[in-house]
Protein backbone atom coordinates (compact mmCIF):
# COMPACT_ATOMS: atom_id res chain seq x y z
CA MET A 1 -20.20 -8.29 14.86
CA TRP A 2 -20.59 -10.95 11.83
CA ILE A 3 -20.85 -9.33 8.04
CA ASP A 4 -21.79 -12.15 6.25
CA LYS A 5 -20.84 -15.55 9.27
CA ASP A 6 -20.60 -18.31 6.64
CA LEU A 7 -18.36 -16.98 4.73
CA CYS A 8 -16.10 -15.10 7.76
CA ILE A 9 -16.41 -19.33 10.21
CA LEU A 10 -14.91 -20.35 6.41
CA CYS A 11 -12.07 -18.06 6.16
CA LEU A 12 -11.63 -18.61 10.23
CA ILE A 13 -11.31 -22.81 9.44
CA TYR A 14 -9.20 -22.41 6.79
CA SER A 15 -6.63 -19.14 8.10
CA ARG A 16 -6.50 -21.88 12.01
CA SER A 17 -6.55 -24.79 10.22
CA LYS A 18 -3.17 -23.13 8.01
CA ASP A 19 -1.74 -21.91 10.93
CA LEU A 20 -0.84 -25.57 12.26
CA VAL A 21 -0.21 -27.09 8.83
CA THR A 22 2.43 -23.87 8.45
CA PHE A 23 3.96 -25.40 11.20
CA ASN A 24 3.59 -29.62 11.11
CA LYS A 25 1.13 -29.84 13.52
CA GLY A 26 -1.87 -30.65 11.53
CA ALA A 27 -2.61 -34.00 13.26
CA GLU A 28 -4.13 -30.77 16.11
CA ILE A 29 -7.06 -30.61 14.04
CA PRO A 30 -9.81 -31.96 15.40
CA LYS A 31 -9.18 -30.86 18.33
CA LEU A 32 -9.29 -27.00 17.08
CA LEU A 33 -12.01 -27.78 14.89
CA ARG A 34 -13.52 -28.80 18.44
CA TYR A 35 -12.46 -25.38 20.05
CA ILE A 36 -13.59 -23.63 17.29
CA ALA A 37 -17.44 -25.39 16.56
CA GLU A 38 -17.49 -24.42 21.10
CA ILE A 39 -16.47 -20.81 20.89
CA ILE A 40 -18.84 -19.78 17.95
CA GLU A 41 -21.77 -21.12 19.46
CA HIS A 42 -20.51 -18.87 23.20
CA GLU A 43 -19.62 -15.80 21.11
CA ASN A 44 -21.44 -13.21 19.10
CA SER A 45 -17.81 -11.20 18.41
CA ARG A 46 -16.16 -11.64 15.58
CA THR A 47 -13.00 -10.12 17.02
CA GLU A 48 -13.17 -12.16 20.03
CA VAL A 49 -13.29 -15.43 18.20
CA PHE A 50 -10.67 -14.73 15.62
CA THR A 51 -8.01 -13.49 18.55
CA LYS A 52 -9.90 -16.40 21.09
CA THR A 53 -9.05 -19.22 18.13
CA TYR A 54 -5.38 -18.07 17.50
CA ASN A 55 -4.69 -17.44 21.21
CA HIS A 56 -5.57 -21.26 20.92
CA ILE A 57 -3.46 -22.24 18.00
CA LYS A 58 -0.22 -20.51 20.24
CA LEU A 59 -1.54 -22.91 22.67
CA LEU A 60 -0.71 -25.96 20.59
CA LEU A 61 1.92 -24.98 19.51
CA ASN A 62 3.25 -24.37 22.94
CA SER A 63 4.64 -20.50 21.63
CA PRO A 64 3.89 -17.52 22.33
CA ASP A 65 4.83 -16.18 18.83
CA PRO A 66 4.84 -18.99 16.32
CA TYR A 67 5.07 -16.58 13.62
CA THR A 68 8.30 -14.82 14.93
CA TYR A 69 10.73 -15.89 12.33
CA THR A 70 8.46 -14.72 9.87
CA LYS A 71 8.01 -11.22 11.06
CA ARG A 72 11.71 -10.49 11.32
CA ARG A 73 11.44 -11.96 6.81
CA LEU A 74 8.98 -9.11 6.31
CA THR A 75 10.48 -7.08 7.81
CA GLU A 76 13.26 -7.02 6.25
CA VAL A 77 12.01 -6.86 3.07
CA GLY A 78 9.29 -4.30 4.21
CA LYS A 79 12.64 -2.33 5.59
CA ARG A 80 14.33 -2.54 1.72
CA VAL A 81 11.12 -0.72 0.41
CA ALA A 82 10.77 1.79 2.80
CA THR A 83 14.01 2.93 1.69
CA ILE A 84 12.79 3.98 -1.81
CA VAL A 85 9.03 5.36 -0.51
CA ARG A 86 11.05 7.80 1.21
CA LYS A 87 13.10 8.62 -1.30
CA TYR A 88 9.77 9.13 -3.49
CA LEU A 89 8.05 11.05 -0.44
CA ASP A 90 11.28 13.41 -0.21
CA GLU A 91 10.67 14.47 -3.60
CA LYS A 92 6.71 14.65 -3.16
CA ASN A 93 8.00 17.44 -0.52
CA TRP A 94 6.40 14.59 2.03
CA ASP A 95 2.91 15.41 0.68
CA ILE A 96 0.60 13.72 3.56
CA HIS A 97 -2.21 12.44 1.22
CA GLU A 98 0.71 10.19 -0.73
CA ALA A 99 2.51 8.65 2.51
CA LEU A 100 -1.98 8.30 2.64
CA LYS A 101 -2.32 6.53 -0.72
CA ILE A 102 1.75 4.27 -0.34
CA SER A 103 0.05 3.32 3.29
CA ALA A 104 -3.32 2.44 2.44
CA ALA A 105 -1.50 0.33 -1.09
CA ALA A 106 1.63 -1.34 0.99
CA ASN A 107 -1.74 -3.48 3.16
CA ILE A 108 -0.67 -6.83 1.18
CA ILE A 109 0.82 -8.95 3.43
CA ASP A 110 -1.09 -11.38 4.87
CA THR A 111 -1.12 -15.16 5.74
CA SER A 112 -4.69 -16.18 6.80
CA VAL A 113 -7.10 -15.23 4.17
CA ILE A 114 -9.12 -17.37 2.22
CA GLY A 115 -8.51 -17.29 -1.34
CA TYR A 116 -5.78 -13.98 -0.45
CA GLU A 117 -3.05 -13.70 -3.24
CA PRO A 118 -0.36 -11.12 -2.07
CA LYS A 119 1.54 -9.95 -4.26
CA ASN A 120 5.26 -8.17 -3.99
CA LEU A 121 5.43 -4.99 -1.72
CA GLU A 122 7.38 -2.89 -4.05
CA GLU A 123 5.07 -3.36 -6.33
CA ALA A 124 2.13 -2.97 -4.22
CA ILE A 125 3.15 0.22 -3.10
CA TRP A 126 2.17 2.43 -6.38
CA ASP A 127 -1.40 0.95 -6.59
CA LYS A 128 -3.72 3.50 -6.80
CA PRO A 129 -7.20 3.39 -3.90
CA ALA A 130 -10.59 2.23 -5.15
CA ILE A 131 -12.20 4.88 -2.94
CA ASP A 132 -10.12 8.14 -1.08
CA GLU A 133 -12.12 9.88 1.03
CA TYR A 134 -8.82 11.86 2.10
CA ASN A 135 -10.56 15.52 1.47
CA TYR A 136 -13.81 14.19 3.39
CA ILE A 137 -12.07 14.52 6.90
CA GLU A 138 -9.86 17.11 8.69
CA ILE A 139 -6.74 15.01 9.99
CA PRO A 140 -6.96 17.60 13.61
CA LYS A 141 -3.26 19.04 14.12
CA ASN A 142 -4.95 19.84 18.20
CA LYS A 143 -5.33 16.26 18.80
CA LYS A 144 -3.54 13.45 19.09
CA ILE A 145 -2.56 10.96 16.14
CA PHE A 146 -3.10 7.47 16.46
CA ILE A 147 -1.08 5.38 13.74
CA VAL A 148 -2.91 1.18 14.69
CA LEU A 149 0.50 -0.71 12.76
CA ASP A 150 -1.05 -4.11 11.41
CA ASN A 151 0.68 -6.94 9.77
CA SER A 152 4.77 -6.96 9.79
CA GLY A 153 6.34 -5.58 6.42
CA GLU A 154 4.32 -3.27 5.85
CA ALA A 155 4.47 -1.47 9.05
CA GLU A 156 7.91 0.05 7.69
CA ILE A 157 5.75 1.87 5.45
CA ASP A 158 3.48 3.16 7.74
CA LEU A 159 6.48 4.45 10.29
CA ILE A 160 7.08 6.45 7.30
CA LEU A 161 3.27 7.51 7.94
CA ALA A 162 4.36 8.39 11.27
CA GLU A 163 7.57 10.43 9.73
CA THR A 164 5.83 12.59 7.38
CA LEU A 165 2.80 13.51 10.03
CA MET A 166 5.43 14.41 11.86
CA LYS A 167 7.19 16.61 9.60
CA LYS A 168 4.02 18.21 9.08
CA GLY A 169 3.51 19.19 12.77
CA TYR A 170 1.22 16.59 13.57
CA ASN A 171 1.56 14.98 17.35
CA ILE A 172 2.05 11.16 16.71
CA ALA A 173 1.62 8.44 18.27
CA ILE A 174 2.03 4.19 17.51
CA ALA A 175 -0.49 2.23 18.62
CA VAL A 176 0.56 -1.68 19.06
CA ARG A 177 -0.71 -5.28 20.19
CA LYS A 178 1.19 -6.19 23.48
CA GLU A 179 0.95 -10.13 22.12
CA ALA A 180 1.27 -11.62 19.46
CA TYR A 181 -2.02 -11.57 17.11
CA GLU A 182 -0.92 -14.14 13.39
CA ILE A 183 2.10 -11.12 11.71
CA ASP A 184 1.22 -8.47 12.86
CA VAL A 185 3.41 -5.99 15.40
CA THR A 186 3.83 -6.19 18.48
CA ILE A 187 5.25 -3.66 20.79
CA ASP A 188 8.61 -6.09 21.39
CA ASP A 189 9.02 -6.02 17.19
CA ILE A 190 9.05 -2.83 16.65
CA LYS A 191 10.10 -0.97 19.78
CA ASP A 192 13.92 -1.30 18.48
CA ALA A 193 13.21 0.67 15.23
CA ILE A 194 11.46 3.87 16.41
CA LEU A 195 13.58 4.32 19.68
CA ASN A 196 15.57 6.96 18.42
CA GLN A 197 12.64 8.23 16.76
CA ASN A 198 11.08 10.47 19.17
CA ILE A 199 7.59 8.85 18.27
CA GLU A 200 5.11 7.31 21.74
CA ILE A 201 4.09 4.15 21.60
CA ILE A 202 1.14 2.30 23.25
CA ALA A 203 1.04 -1.22 23.63
CA THR A 204 -2.54 -2.19 24.29
CA PRO A 205 -4.04 -5.00 26.58
CA ARG A 206 -3.44 -8.62 25.05
CA ASN A 207 -3.13 -9.29 21.67
CA ILE A 208 -6.75 -7.59 20.85
CA SER A 209 -6.59 -4.63 18.55
CA PRO A 210 -5.20 -1.41 19.52
CA VAL A 211 -8.64 0.16 18.44
CA ALA A 212 -10.91 -1.41 21.11
CA TYR A 213 -8.57 0.84 23.27
CA LEU A 214 -8.19 4.32 22.06
CA LYS A 215 -10.06 7.33 23.43
CA ASN A 216 -9.78 11.67 23.05
CA GLY A 217 -7.96 11.45 19.45
CA PHE A 218 -7.45 10.03 15.85
CA ALA A 219 -7.11 6.94 14.50
CA ILE A 220 -5.36 6.25 10.92
CA VAL A 221 -6.14 2.16 11.57
CA LYS A 222 -4.23 -0.15 10.00
CA GLY A 223 -5.69 -3.55 7.89
CA ILE A 224 -8.62 -5.66 8.35
CA ALA A 225 -8.73 -6.79 11.86
CA ASN A 226 -8.36 -4.17 13.32
CA LEU A 227 -11.23 -2.68 10.72
CA GLU A 228 -13.45 -5.07 11.72
CA THR A 229 -12.53 -4.61 15.66
CA TYR A 230 -13.52 -0.89 15.05
CA THR A 231 -16.89 -1.36 13.83
CA GLU A 232 -18.05 -3.69 16.92
CA ILE A 233 -17.24 -0.47 19.25
CA GLU A 234 -20.89 0.49 20.18
CA GLN A 235 -20.22 3.80 21.57
CA GLU A 236 -17.72 6.58 19.27
CA THR A 237 -14.53 7.71 21.79
CA ILE A 238 -12.33 8.51 18.88
CA GLU A 239 -12.52 9.40 14.50
CA THR A 240 -10.67 6.93 11.92
CA LEU A 241 -9.59 7.16 8.82
CA HIS A 242 -8.88 3.21 7.54
CA LEU A 243 -6.19 2.45 5.36
CA PHE A 244 -6.26 -0.72 4.00
CA ARG A 245 -7.12 -3.80 0.84
CA ALA A 246 -10.06 -5.25 0.29
CA LYS A 247 -8.80 -8.11 0.13
CA CYS A 248 -11.52 -11.12 0.64
CA GLU A 249 -15.02 -11.25 -0.72
CA VAL A 250 -16.87 -9.87 1.84
CA LEU A 251 -15.05 -6.89 1.62
CA ALA A 252 -14.84 -6.18 -2.03
CA LYS A 253 -18.78 -7.20 -2.30
CA ILE A 254 -19.66 -4.41 0.94
CA PHE A 255 -17.08 -1.48 -0.77
CA ASN A 256 -18.10 -2.23 -4.48
CA VAL A 257 -14.66 -2.57 -5.54
CA SER A 258 -12.50 -5.81 -7.10
CA LYS A 259 -11.21 -7.65 -5.07
CA ASN A 260 -7.60 -6.90 -3.58
CA SER A 261 -8.29 -2.87 -4.44
CA PRO A 262 -6.37 -0.75 -1.81
CA LEU A 263 -9.21 1.92 0.33
CA ILE A 264 -9.14 4.64 1.84
CA ILE A 265 -12.16 5.18 4.18
CA THR A 266 -13.97 7.22 6.85
CA GLY A 267 -14.78 5.29 9.87
CA LYS A 268 -18.20 7.46 9.25
CA THR A 269 -18.84 5.57 6.18
CA ILE A 270 -17.39 2.02 7.39
CA LYS A 271 -20.27 1.98 10.31
CA GLN A 272 -22.67 2.98 7.62
CA LYS A 273 -21.55 0.01 5.03
CA TYR A 274 -21.46 -2.31 7.85
CA MET A 275 -24.95 -1.49 9.61
CA ASN A 276 -26.61 -1.97 6.07
CA ARG A 277 -24.25 -5.58 5.38
CA SER A 278 -24.38 -7.02 9.56
CA TYR A 279 -25.54 -9.64 11.47
CA LYS A 280 -24.71 -11.39 14.95
């Protein structure tokens, strides 16, 4: 499902070409463009297109995880900011709403959205959400709560969200991709960080968003790629609350907010917005 196919394809071409240039493989761009043209012609799913083209990048770079070093660097930044966040939430008696707002605002890290300009994570976490539907949904205590992680660095903040919910009596599981996708956290990136925290961790197959595999619970979903995958799920299997920033013009227009605004939005609202705008 594409929201604005022309702009999304432009973003795809930019981000995948940038992947190659970042690793001094710009000479491979013609091969990449031929592959992108072929995959777009035969695949309607935005999620599959972005995932398969990134897998092609890994093939061209001969690396199972090209951004390993970048992810480690971002994680160190996230850990430093997490110390500040933990102190703040402790002062707020581990308020869930405050933790959600910080986690949404922390969705500031990205490497591939066209025209996107990130800012310092320590500054960004205090940005207030332009839309906040937290009071429109009840996070159930009788279901497992999945926290679907997104980019490295901000994931350290999301682990504090998990800690906050656990302190309030929720049954938490962390959901991540098994294989590398851009700078998103994988099982190998995160398993040591939660080894001694008594948090269940679920690594879903391939490098498709974990949202595609979750059932029978409630999911707090971080980031744009996970959001896009959710919109393509035809049969509802799980209730969701999404924490992300409107990093591109397409999302800003859909939700009628300023570009880069943090948002806390229910899955129900997202499906309604997307159905009014999307086409295959």
